[in-house]
Amino acid sequence: MGEASGVVKHIVLGKFKDDVAPQQIHELIKAYANLVNLVPPMKSFHWGTDISAENLHQGFTHIFESTFESIEAVAEYVAHPAHVEYANLLLPNLEKVIIFDYKPTVVQL
């Protein structure tokens, strides 16, 4: 297996703009979740809002996590027309965003 193979997590941290209505956020999240049905390399999708008592979220309100089988699969997803169309809907509604891809690593003790 090459260095690029193995599960990759695609994380998006976002803060919606204050004027984005809750119903619009709900619709955007449903459309994000539906990408699993439209983009074959995307294997799963989860999302949530900050529930930490530490208050270190720096204003970010939502996290979105997608799972892929490889770095190449993430690249295919990013270039896929359904993802491009969705990103053009989502990003204008975000005040700030962080996108982070990583390969989960098990620590050997």
PDB file of N, CA and C in Angstrom:
ATOM      1  N   MET A   1       0.837  -1.191   0.000  1.00  0.00           N
ATOM      2  CA  MET A   1       0.000   0.000   0.000  1.00  0.00           C
ATOM      3  C   MET A   1       0.876   1.248   0.000  1.00  0.00           C
ATOM      4  N   GLY A   2       0.490   2.197  -0.829  1.00  0.00           N
ATOM      5  CA  GLY A   2       1.244   3.437  -0.903  1.00  0.00           C
ATOM      6  C   GLY A   2       0.952   4.337   0.284  1.00  0.00           C
ATOM      7  N   GLU A   3       1.747   5.380   0.382  1.00  0.00           N
ATOM      8  CA  GLU A   3       1.602   6.337   1.483  1.00  0.00           C
ATOM      9  C   GLU A   3       0.224   6.991   1.479  1.00  0.00           C
ATOM     10  N   ALA A   4      -0.378   7.122   0.281  1.00  0.00           N
ATOM     11  CA  ALA A   4      -1.651   7.835   0.163  1.00  0.00           C
ATOM     12  C   ALA A   4      -2.856   6.953   0.514  1.00  0.00           C
ATOM     13  N   SER A   5      -2.652   5.649   0.646  1.00  0.00           N
ATOM     14  CA  SER A   5      -3.789   4.776   0.921  1.00  0.00           C
ATOM     15  C   SER A   5      -4.140   4.789   2.406  1.00  0.00           C
ATOM     16  N   GLY A   6      -5.337   4.337   2.718  1.00  0.00           N
ATOM     17  CA  GLY A   6      -5.804   4.326   4.098  1.00  0.00           C
ATOM     18  C   GLY A   6      -6.832   5.413   4.324  1.00  0.00           C
ATOM     19  N   VAL A   7      -7.646   5.192   5.346  1.00  0.00           N
ATOM     20  CA  VAL A   7      -8.756   6.101   5.637  1.00  0.00           C
ATOM     21  C   VAL A   7      -8.261   7.525   5.862  1.00  0.00           C
ATOM     22  N   VAL A   8      -9.010   8.472   5.303  1.00  0.00           N
ATOM     23  CA  VAL A   8      -8.735   9.892   5.510  1.00  0.00           C
ATOM     24  C   VAL A   8     -10.022  10.552   5.999  1.00  0.00           C
ATOM     25  N   LYS A   9      -9.895  11.364   7.032  1.00  0.00           N
ATOM     26  CA  LYS A   9     -11.012  12.156   7.549  1.00  0.00           C
ATOM     27  C   LYS A   9     -10.887  13.584   7.016  1.00  0.00           C
ATOM     28  N   HIS A  10     -12.002  14.103   6.523  1.00  0.00           N
ATOM     29  CA  HIS A  10     -12.073  15.471   5.985  1.00  0.00           C
ATOM     30  C   HIS A  10     -12.943  16.259   6.965  1.00  0.00           C
ATOM     31  N   ILE A  11     -12.322  17.209   7.644  1.00  0.00           N
ATOM     32  CA  ILE A  11     -12.989  17.978   8.696  1.00  0.00           C
ATOM     33  C   ILE A  11     -13.220  19.410   8.221  1.00  0.00           C
ATOM     34  N   VAL A  12     -14.438  19.898   8.397  1.00  0.00           N
ATOM     35  CA  VAL A  12     -14.746  21.300   8.128  1.00  0.00           C
ATOM     36  C   VAL A  12     -15.295  21.894   9.420  1.00  0.00           C
ATOM     37  N   LEU A  13     -14.615  22.912   9.926  1.00  0.00           N
ATOM     38  CA  LEU A  13     -15.104  23.689  11.071  1.00  0.00           C
ATOM     39  C   LEU A  13     -15.638  24.996  10.509  1.00  0.00           C
ATOM     40  N   GLY A  14     -16.856  25.336  10.861  1.00  0.00           N
ATOM     41  CA  GLY A  14     -17.439  26.552  10.329  1.00  0.00           C
ATOM     42  C   GLY A  14     -18.179  27.366  11.359  1.00  0.00           C
ATOM     43  N   LYS A  15     -18.218  28.672  11.103  1.00  0.00           N
ATOM     44  CA  LYS A  15     -19.077  29.573  11.864  1.00  0.00           C
ATOM     45  C   LYS A  15     -20.008  30.222  10.854  1.00  0.00           C
ATOM     46  N   PHE A  16     -21.293  29.950  10.995  1.00  0.00           N
ATOM     47  CA  PHE A  16     -22.270  30.571  10.112  1.00  0.00           C
ATOM     48  C   PHE A  16     -22.378  32.060  10.423  1.00  0.00           C
ATOM     49  N   LYS A  17     -22.626  32.844   9.392  1.00  0.00           N
ATOM     50  CA  LYS A  17     -22.840  34.273   9.578  1.00  0.00           C
ATOM     51  C   LYS A  17     -24.089  34.485  10.438  1.00  0.00           C
ATOM     52  N   ASP A  18     -24.092  35.561  11.209  1.00  0.00           N
ATOM     53  CA  ASP A  18     -25.189  35.820  12.149  1.00  0.00           C
ATOM     54  C   ASP A  18     -26.544  35.948  11.467  1.00  0.00           C
ATOM     55  N   ASP A  19     -26.568  36.383  10.204  1.00  0.00           N
ATOM     56  CA  ASP A  19     -27.852  36.595   9.527  1.00  0.00           C
ATOM     57  C   ASP A  19     -28.364  35.358   8.786  1.00  0.00           C
ATOM     58  N   VAL A  20     -27.693  34.219   8.951  1.00  0.00           N
ATOM     59  CA  VAL A  20     -28.165  32.987   8.312  1.00  0.00           C
ATOM     60  C   VAL A  20     -29.197  32.346   9.239  1.00  0.00           C
ATOM     61  N   ALA A  21     -30.415  32.187   8.738  1.00  0.00           N
ATOM     62  CA  ALA A  21     -31.529  31.667   9.543  1.00  0.00           C
ATOM     63  C   ALA A  21     -31.308  30.190   9.894  1.00  0.00           C
ATOM     64  N   PRO A  22     -31.783  29.766  11.070  1.00  0.00           N
ATOM     65  CA  PRO A  22     -31.655  28.354  11.465  1.00  0.00           C
ATOM     66  C   PRO A  22     -32.197  27.387  10.413  1.00  0.00           C
ATOM     67  N   GLN A  23     -33.306  27.728   9.770  1.00  0.00           N
ATOM     68  CA  GLN A  23     -33.871  26.846   8.736  1.00  0.00           C
ATOM     69  C   GLN A  23     -32.919  26.718   7.547  1.00  0.00           C
ATOM     70  N   GLN A  24     -32.248  27.816   7.204  1.00  0.00           N
ATOM     71  CA  GLN A  24     -31.284  27.772   6.099  1.00  0.00           C
ATOM     72  C   GLN A  24     -30.084  26.907   6.478  1.00  0.00           C
ATOM     73  N   ILE A  25     -29.625  27.012   7.724  1.00  0.00           N
ATOM     74  CA  ILE A  25     -28.530  26.156   8.206  1.00  0.00           C
ATOM     75  C   ILE A  25     -28.953  24.694   8.115  1.00  0.00           C
ATOM     76  N   HIS A  26     -30.171  24.403   8.552  1.00  0.00           N
ATOM     77  CA  HIS A  26     -30.694  23.029   8.491  1.00  0.00           C
ATOM     78  C   HIS A  26     -30.683  22.507   7.051  1.00  0.00           C
ATOM     79  N   GLU A  27     -31.135  23.320   6.116  1.00  0.00           N
ATOM     80  CA  GLU A  27     -31.173  22.908   4.704  1.00  0.00           C
ATOM     81  C   GLU A  27     -29.759  22.693   4.156  1.00  0.00           C
ATOM     82  N   LEU A  28     -28.827  23.555   4.540  1.00  0.00           N
ATOM     83  CA  LEU A  28     -27.443  23.397   4.094  1.00  0.00           C
ATOM     84  C   LEU A  28     -26.829  22.110   4.642  1.00  0.00           C
ATOM     85  N   ILE A  29     -27.140  21.773   5.887  1.00  0.00           N
ATOM     86  CA  ILE A  29     -26.614  20.538   6.478  1.00  0.00           C
ATOM     87  C   ILE A  29     -27.221  19.316   5.790  1.00  0.00           C
ATOM     88  N   LYS A  30     -28.517  19.365   5.484  1.00  0.00           N
ATOM     89  CA  LYS A  30     -29.148  18.252   4.760  1.00  0.00           C
ATOM     90  C   LYS A  30     -28.505  18.068   3.388  1.00  0.00           C
ATOM     91  N   ALA A  31     -28.228  19.163   2.711  1.00  0.00           N
ATOM     92  CA  ALA A  31     -27.592  19.081   1.398  1.00  0.00           C
ATOM     93  C   ALA A  31     -26.173  18.532   1.506  1.00  0.00           C
ATOM     94  N   TYR A  32     -25.461  18.894   2.572  1.00  0.00           N
ATOM     95  CA  TYR A  32     -24.107  18.369   2.807  1.00  0.00           C
ATOM     96  C   TYR A  32     -24.188  16.860   3.008  1.00  0.00           C
ATOM     97  N   ALA A  33     -25.100  16.424   3.860  1.00  0.00           N
ATOM     98  CA  ALA A  33     -25.260  14.991   4.126  1.00  0.00           C
ATOM     99  C   ALA A  33     -25.605  14.225   2.852  1.00  0.00           C
ATOM    100  N   ASN A  34     -26.367  14.849   1.958  1.00  0.00           N
ATOM    101  CA  ASN A  34     -26.777  14.185   0.719  1.00  0.00           C
ATOM    102  C   ASN A  34     -25.614  13.973  -0.243  1.00  0.00           C
ATOM    103  N   LEU A  35     -24.493  14.667  -0.032  1.00  0.00           N
ATOM    104  CA  LEU A  35     -23.337  14.441  -0.898  1.00  0.00           C
ATOM    105  C   LEU A  35     -22.879  12.987  -0.853  1.00  0.00           C
ATOM    106  N   VAL A  36     -23.126  12.294   0.258  1.00  0.00           N
ATOM    107  CA  VAL A  36     -22.775  10.869   0.354  1.00  0.00           C
ATOM    108  C   VAL A  36     -23.461  10.080  -0.763  1.00  0.00           C
ATOM    109  N   ASN A  37     -24.665  10.488  -1.134  1.00  0.00           N
ATOM    110  CA  ASN A  37     -25.416   9.800  -2.187  1.00  0.00           C
ATOM    111  C   ASN A  37     -24.999  10.230  -3.592  1.00  0.00           C
ATOM    112  N   LEU A  38     -24.282  11.334  -3.698  1.00  0.00           N
ATOM    113  CA  LEU A  38     -23.947  11.903  -5.002  1.00  0.00           C
ATOM    114  C   LEU A  38     -22.482  11.726  -5.388  1.00  0.00           C
ATOM    115  N   VAL A  39     -21.618  11.577  -4.393  1.00  0.00           N
ATOM    116  CA  VAL A  39     -20.171  11.528  -4.629  1.00  0.00           C
ATOM    117  C   VAL A  39     -19.635  10.190  -4.110  1.00  0.00           C
ATOM    118  N   PRO A  40     -19.419   9.214  -4.997  1.00  0.00           N
ATOM    119  CA  PRO A  40     -19.040   7.870  -4.556  1.00  0.00           C
ATOM    120  C   PRO A  40     -17.828   7.780  -3.614  1.00  0.00           C
ATOM    121  N   PRO A  41     -16.785   8.601  -3.763  1.00  0.00           N
ATOM    122  CA  PRO A  41     -15.645   8.468  -2.850  1.00  0.00           C
ATOM    123  C   PRO A  41     -15.964   8.819  -1.396  1.00  0.00           C
ATOM    124  N   MET A  42     -17.077   9.554  -1.168  1.00  0.00           N
ATOM    125  CA  MET A  42     -17.449   9.967   0.194  1.00  0.00           C
ATOM    126  C   MET A  42     -18.183   8.807   0.854  1.00  0.00           C
ATOM    127  N   LYS A  43     -17.573   8.238   1.897  1.00  0.00           N
ATOM    128  CA  LYS A  43     -18.104   7.014   2.504  1.00  0.00           C
ATOM    129  C   LYS A  43     -19.048   7.280   3.674  1.00  0.00           C
ATOM    130  N   SER A  44     -18.849   8.369   4.412  1.00  0.00           N
ATOM    131  CA  SER A  44     -19.747   8.680   5.526  1.00  0.00           C
ATOM    132  C   SER A  44     -19.665  10.162   5.847  1.00  0.00           C
ATOM    133  N   PHE A  45     -20.683  10.634   6.574  1.00  0.00           N
ATOM    134  CA  PHE A  45     -20.767  12.044   6.948  1.00  0.00           C
ATOM    135  C   PHE A  45     -21.374  12.143   8.343  1.00  0.00           C
ATOM    136  N   HIS A  46     -20.768  12.943   9.188  1.00  0.00           N
ATOM    137  CA  HIS A  46     -21.299  13.252  10.516  1.00  0.00           C
ATOM    138  C   HIS A  46     -21.142  14.745  10.738  1.00  0.00           C
ATOM    139  N   TRP A  47     -21.986  15.296  11.592  1.00  0.00           N
ATOM    140  CA  TRP A  47     -21.859  16.707  11.921  1.00  0.00           C
ATOM    141  C   TRP A  47     -22.315  16.931  13.351  1.00  0.00           C
ATOM    142  N   GLY A  48     -21.974  18.087  13.892  1.00  0.00           N
ATOM    143  CA  GLY A  48     -22.421  18.432  15.232  1.00  0.00           C
ATOM    144  C   GLY A  48     -22.107  19.882  15.538  1.00  0.00           C
ATOM    145  N   THR A  49     -22.553  20.297  16.710  1.00  0.00           N
ATOM    146  CA  THR A  49     -22.257  21.637  17.210  1.00  0.00           C
ATOM    147  C   THR A  49     -21.464  21.499  18.499  1.00  0.00           C
ATOM    148  N   ASP A  50     -20.760  22.546  18.867  1.00  0.00           N
ATOM    149  CA  ASP A  50     -19.885  22.507  20.038  1.00  0.00           C
ATOM    150  C   ASP A  50     -20.688  22.316  21.328  1.00  0.00           C
ATOM    151  N   ILE A  51     -20.275  21.343  22.119  1.00  0.00           N
ATOM    152  CA  ILE A  51     -20.903  21.095  23.421  1.00  0.00           C
ATOM    153  C   ILE A  51     -19.875  21.118  24.557  1.00  0.00           C
ATOM    154  N   SER A  52     -18.663  21.561  24.229  1.00  0.00           N
ATOM    155  CA  SER A  52     -17.582  21.553  25.202  1.00  0.00           C
ATOM    156  C   SER A  52     -17.801  22.597  26.290  1.00  0.00           C
ATOM    157  N   ALA A  53     -17.466  22.230  27.523  1.00  0.00           N
ATOM    158  CA  ALA A  53     -17.532  23.172  28.644  1.00  0.00           C
ATOM    159  C   ALA A  53     -16.290  24.066  28.686  1.00  0.00           C
ATOM    160  N   GLU A  54     -15.299  23.756  27.866  1.00  0.00           N
ATOM    161  CA  GLU A  54     -14.028  24.500  27.928  1.00  0.00           C
ATOM    162  C   GLU A  54     -14.092  25.869  27.239  1.00  0.00           C
ATOM    163  N   ASN A  55     -15.095  26.081  26.385  1.00  0.00           N
ATOM    164  CA  ASN A  55     -15.282  27.363  25.708  1.00  0.00           C
ATOM    165  C   ASN A  55     -14.050  27.779  24.900  1.00  0.00           C
ATOM    166  N   LEU A  56     -13.465  26.819  24.194  1.00  0.00           N
ATOM    167  CA  LEU A  56     -12.279  27.091  23.377  1.00  0.00           C
ATOM    168  C   LEU A  56     -12.572  26.955  21.884  1.00  0.00           C
ATOM    169  N   HIS A  57     -13.841  27.065  21.495  1.00  0.00           N
ATOM    170  CA  HIS A  57     -14.264  26.854  20.108  1.00  0.00           C
ATOM    171  C   HIS A  57     -13.901  28.009  19.183  1.00  0.00           C
ATOM    172  N   GLN A  58     -13.429  29.132  19.749  1.00  0.00           N
ATOM    173  CA  GLN A  58     -13.009  30.311  18.986  1.00  0.00           C
ATOM    174  C   GLN A  58     -14.112  30.829  18.057  1.00  0.00           C
ATOM    175  N   GLY A  59     -15.356  30.616  18.443  1.00  0.00           N
ATOM    176  CA  GLY A  59     -16.482  31.125  17.672  1.00  0.00           C
ATOM    177  C   GLY A  59     -17.012  30.170  16.618  1.00  0.00           C
ATOM    178  N   PHE A  60     -16.305  29.068  16.373  1.00  0.00           N
ATOM    179  CA  PHE A  60     -16.802  28.091  15.408  1.00  0.00           C
ATOM    180  C   PHE A  60     -18.043  27.414  15.992  1.00  0.00           C
ATOM    181  N   THR A  61     -19.067  27.251  15.162  1.00  0.00           N
ATOM    182  CA  THR A  61     -20.350  26.746  15.649  1.00  0.00           C
ATOM    183  C   THR A  61     -20.657  25.317  15.212  1.00  0.00           C
ATOM    184  N   HIS A  62     -20.085  24.882  14.075  1.00  0.00           N
ATOM    185  CA  HIS A  62     -20.422  23.569  13.518  1.00  0.00           C
ATOM    186  C   HIS A  62     -19.167  22.832  13.070  1.00  0.00           C
ATOM    187  N   ILE A  63     -19.226  21.499  13.185  1.00  0.00           N
ATOM    188  CA  ILE A  63     -18.175  20.644  12.650  1.00  0.00           C
ATOM    189  C   ILE A  63     -18.823  19.619  11.724  1.00  0.00           C
ATOM    190  N   PHE A  64     -18.163  19.378  10.598  1.00  0.00           N
ATOM    191  CA  PHE A  64     -18.620  18.407   9.611  1.00  0.00           C
ATOM    192  C   PHE A  64     -17.465  17.457   9.343  1.00  0.00           C
ATOM    193  N   GLU A  65     -17.732  16.156   9.424  1.00  0.00           N
ATOM    194  CA  GLU A  65     -16.687  15.157   9.233  1.00  0.00           C
ATOM    195  C   GLU A  65     -17.111  14.171   8.161  1.00  0.00           C
ATOM    196  N   SER A  66     -16.279  14.032   7.131  1.00  0.00           N
ATOM    197  CA  SER A  66     -16.517  13.065   6.069  1.00  0.00           C
ATOM    198  C   SER A  66     -15.372  12.063   6.063  1.00  0.00           C
ATOM    199  N   THR A  67     -15.666  10.833   5.675  1.00  0.00           N
ATOM    200  CA  THR A  67     -14.666   9.779   5.633  1.00  0.00           C
ATOM    201  C   THR A  67     -14.444   9.328   4.194  1.00  0.00           C
ATOM    202  N   PHE A  68     -13.167   9.133   3.865  1.00  0.00           N
ATOM    203  CA  PHE A  68     -12.756   8.695   2.535  1.00  0.00           C
ATOM    204  C   PHE A  68     -11.756   7.556   2.668  1.00  0.00           C
ATOM    205  N   GLU A  69     -11.573   6.795   1.596  1.00  0.00           N
ATOM    206  CA  GLU A  69     -10.674   5.634   1.637  1.00  0.00           C
ATOM    207  C   GLU A  69      -9.221   5.987   1.363  1.00  0.00           C
ATOM    208  N   SER A  70      -8.958   7.184   0.852  1.00  0.00           N
ATOM    209  CA  SER A  70      -7.584   7.558   0.513  1.00  0.00           C
ATOM    210  C   SER A  70      -7.511   9.066   0.280  1.00  0.00           C
ATOM    211  N   ILE A  71      -6.270   9.560   0.205  1.00  0.00           N
ATOM    212  CA  ILE A  71      -6.065  10.967  -0.126  1.00  0.00           C
ATOM    213  C   ILE A  71      -6.587  11.246  -1.533  1.00  0.00           C
ATOM    214  N   GLU A  72      -6.381  10.286  -2.447  1.00  0.00           N
ATOM    215  CA  GLU A  72      -6.873  10.450  -3.816  1.00  0.00           C
ATOM    216  C   GLU A  72      -8.396  10.568  -3.841  1.00  0.00           C
ATOM    217  N   ALA A  73      -9.086   9.832  -2.970  1.00  0.00           N
ATOM    218  CA  ALA A  73     -10.546   9.895  -2.907  1.00  0.00           C
ATOM    219  C   ALA A  73     -11.006  11.276  -2.447  1.00  0.00           C
ATOM    220  N   VAL A  74     -10.264  11.896  -1.523  1.00  0.00           N
ATOM    221  CA  VAL A  74     -10.596  13.259  -1.097  1.00  0.00           C
ATOM    222  C   VAL A  74     -10.443  14.215  -2.278  1.00  0.00           C
ATOM    223  N   ALA A  75      -9.375  14.066  -3.027  1.00  0.00           N
ATOM    224  CA  ALA A  75      -9.142  14.928  -4.189  1.00  0.00           C
ATOM    225  C   ALA A  75     -10.258  14.758  -5.222  1.00  0.00           C
ATOM    226  N   GLU A  76     -10.700  13.513  -5.417  1.00  0.00           N
ATOM    227  CA  GLU A  76     -11.804  13.252  -6.352  1.00  0.00           C
ATOM    228  C   GLU A  76     -13.089  13.922  -5.862  1.00  0.00           C
ATOM    229  N   TYR A  77     -13.330  13.845  -4.562  1.00  0.00           N
ATOM    230  CA  TYR A  77     -14.500  14.489  -3.948  1.00  0.00           C
ATOM    231  C   TYR A  77     -14.450  16.008  -4.140  1.00  0.00           C
ATOM    232  N   VAL A  78     -13.300  16.604  -3.840  1.00  0.00           N
ATOM    233  CA  VAL A  78     -13.161  18.061  -3.924  1.00  0.00           C
ATOM    234  C   VAL A  78     -13.440  18.548  -5.344  1.00  0.00           C
ATOM    235  N   ALA A  79     -13.029  17.773  -6.347  1.00  0.00           N
ATOM    236  CA  ALA A  79     -13.211  18.169  -7.741  1.00  0.00           C
ATOM    237  C   ALA A  79     -14.576  17.783  -8.312  1.00  0.00           C
ATOM    238  N   HIS A  80     -15.327  16.950  -7.602  1.00  0.00           N
ATOM    239  CA  HIS A  80     -16.608  16.450  -8.112  1.00  0.00           C
ATOM    240  C   HIS A  80     -17.597  17.608  -8.286  1.00  0.00           C
ATOM    241  N   PRO A  81     -18.317  17.649  -9.410  1.00  0.00           N
ATOM    242  CA  PRO A  81     -19.262  18.764  -9.649  1.00  0.00           C
ATOM    243  C   PRO A  81     -20.300  18.959  -8.540  1.00  0.00           C
ATOM    244  N   ALA A  82     -20.777  17.880  -7.920  1.00  0.00           N
ATOM    245  CA  ALA A  82     -21.767  18.023  -6.839  1.00  0.00           C
ATOM    246  C   ALA A  82     -21.149  18.717  -5.630  1.00  0.00           C
ATOM    247  N   HIS A  83     -19.877  18.411  -5.331  1.00  0.00           N
ATOM    248  CA  HIS A  83     -19.198  19.069  -4.214  1.00  0.00           C
ATOM    249  C   HIS A  83     -18.941  20.534  -4.542  1.00  0.00           C
ATOM    250  N   VAL A  84     -18.473  20.807  -5.756  1.00  0.00           N
ATOM    251  CA  VAL A  84     -18.199  22.190  -6.164  1.00  0.00           C
ATOM    252  C   VAL A  84     -19.476  23.027  -6.057  1.00  0.00           C
ATOM    253  N   GLU A  85     -20.584  22.484  -6.556  1.00  0.00           N
ATOM    254  CA  GLU A  85     -21.867  23.197  -6.492  1.00  0.00           C
ATOM    255  C   GLU A  85     -22.265  23.446  -5.031  1.00  0.00           C
ATOM    256  N   TYR A  86     -22.097  22.431  -4.171  1.00  0.00           N
ATOM    257  CA  TYR A  86     -22.461  22.586  -2.764  1.00  0.00           C
ATOM    258  C   TYR A  86     -21.556  23.613  -2.071  1.00  0.00           C
ATOM    259  N   ALA A  87     -20.262  23.517  -2.308  1.00  0.00           N
ATOM    260  CA  ALA A  87     -19.324  24.455  -1.670  1.00  0.00           C
ATOM    261  C   ALA A  87     -19.686  25.893  -2.028  1.00  0.00           C
ATOM    262  N   ASN A  88     -20.135  26.109  -3.265  1.00  0.00           N
ATOM    263  CA  ASN A  88     -20.532  27.450  -3.682  1.00  0.00           C
ATOM    264  C   ASN A  88     -21.807  27.926  -2.988  1.00  0.00           C
ATOM    265  N   LEU A  89     -22.604  26.994  -2.449  1.00  0.00           N
ATOM    266  CA  LEU A  89     -23.774  27.350  -1.635  1.00  0.00           C
ATOM    267  C   LEU A  89     -23.370  27.588  -0.176  1.00  0.00           C
ATOM    268  N   LEU A  90     -22.529  26.695   0.356  1.00  0.00           N
ATOM    269  CA  LEU A  90     -22.177  26.747   1.776  1.00  0.00           C
ATOM    270  C   LEU A  90     -21.264  27.925   2.118  1.00  0.00           C
ATOM    271  N   LEU A  91     -20.173  28.053   1.389  1.00  0.00           N
ATOM    272  CA  LEU A  91     -19.120  28.988   1.802  1.00  0.00           C
ATOM    273  C   LEU A  91     -19.580  30.433   1.947  1.00  0.00           C
ATOM    274  N   PRO A  92     -20.461  30.959   1.087  1.00  0.00           N
ATOM    275  CA  PRO A  92     -20.907  32.347   1.288  1.00  0.00           C
ATOM    276  C   PRO A  92     -21.703  32.556   2.584  1.00  0.00           C
ATOM    277  N   ASN A  93     -22.185  31.467   3.192  1.00  0.00           N
ATOM    278  CA  ASN A  93     -22.949  31.563   4.433  1.00  0.00           C
ATOM    279  C   ASN A  93     -22.074  31.449   5.681  1.00  0.00           C
ATOM    280  N   LEU A  94     -20.782  31.207   5.481  1.00  0.00           N
ATOM    281  CA  LEU A  94     -19.871  31.045   6.610  1.00  0.00           C
ATOM    282  C   LEU A  94     -19.055  32.309   6.823  1.00  0.00           C
ATOM    283  N   GLU A  95     -18.969  32.713   8.087  1.00  0.00           N
ATOM    284  CA  GLU A  95     -18.128  33.853   8.453  1.00  0.00           C
ATOM    285  C   GLU A  95     -16.665  33.435   8.455  1.00  0.00           C
ATOM    286  N   LYS A  96     -16.420  32.196   8.926  1.00  0.00           N
ATOM    287  CA  LYS A  96     -15.062  31.661   8.912  1.00  0.00           C
ATOM    288  C   LYS A  96     -15.122  30.147   8.801  1.00  0.00           C
ATOM    289  N   VAL A  97     -14.045  29.574   8.285  1.00  0.00           N
ATOM    290  CA  VAL A  97     -14.015  28.138   8.035  1.00  0.00           C
ATOM    291  C   VAL A  97     -12.571  27.637   8.139  1.00  0.00           C
ATOM    292  N   ILE A  98     -12.441  26.429   8.654  1.00  0.00           N
ATOM    293  CA  ILE A  98     -11.168  25.693   8.638  1.00  0.00           C
ATOM    294  C   ILE A  98     -11.456  24.351   7.993  1.00  0.00           C
ATOM    295  N   ILE A  99     -10.599  23.951   7.058  1.00  0.00           N
ATOM    296  CA  ILE A  99     -10.720  22.631   6.450  1.00  0.00           C
ATOM    297  C   ILE A  99      -9.430  21.891   6.732  1.00  0.00           C
ATOM    298  N   PHE A 100      -9.575  20.655   7.249  1.00  0.00           N
ATOM    299  CA  PHE A 100      -8.425  19.888   7.741  1.00  0.00           C
ATOM    300  C   PHE A 100      -8.629  18.438   7.355  1.00  0.00           C
ATOM    301  N   ASP A 101      -7.687  17.867   6.621  1.00  0.00           N
ATOM    302  CA  ASP A 101      -7.731  16.447   6.274  1.00  0.00           C
ATOM    303  C   ASP A 101      -6.634  15.732   7.053  1.00  0.00           C
ATOM    304  N   TYR A 102      -6.962  14.550   7.576  1.00  0.00           N
ATOM    305  CA  TYR A 102      -5.940  13.803   8.304  1.00  0.00           C
ATOM    306  C   TYR A 102      -6.195  12.307   8.194  1.00  0.00           C
ATOM    307  N   LYS A 103      -5.102  11.570   8.410  1.00  0.00           N
ATOM    308  CA  LYS A 103      -5.173  10.116   8.449  1.00  0.00           C
ATOM    309  C   LYS A 103      -5.172   9.706   9.918  1.00  0.00           C
ATOM    310  N   PRO A 104      -6.255   9.104  10.414  1.00  0.00           N
ATOM    311  CA  PRO A 104      -6.290   8.676  11.818  1.00  0.00           C
ATOM    312  C   PRO A 104      -5.122   7.728  12.108  1.00  0.00           C
ATOM    313  N   THR A 105      -4.453   7.985  13.195  1.00  0.00           N
ATOM    314  CA  THR A 105      -3.292   7.196  13.586  1.00  0.00           C
ATOM    315  C   THR A 105      -3.521   6.640  14.985  1.00  0.00           C
ATOM    316  N   VAL A 106      -3.262   5.361  15.121  1.00  0.00           N
ATOM    317  CA  VAL A 106      -3.355   4.714  16.436  1.00  0.00           C
ATOM    318  C   VAL A 106      -2.009   4.828  17.109  1.00  0.00           C
ATOM    319  N   VAL A 107      -2.015   5.308  18.333  1.00  0.00           N
ATOM    320  CA  VAL A 107      -0.763   5.438  19.100  1.00  0.00           C
ATOM    321  C   VAL A 107      -0.425   4.083  19.702  1.00  0.00           C
ATOM    322  N   GLN A 108       0.764   3.632  19.412  1.00  0.00           N
ATOM    323  CA  GLN A 108       1.230   2.368  19.981  1.00  0.00           C
ATOM    324  C   GLN A 108       1.860   2.650  21.352  1.00  0.00           C
ATOM    325  N   LEU A 109       1.279   2.059  22.391  1.00  0.00           N
ATOM    326  CA  LEU A 109       1.799   2.287  23.746  1.00  0.00           C
ATOM    327  C   LEU A 109       2.738   1.178  24.147  1.00  0.00           C
TER     328      LEU A 109
END
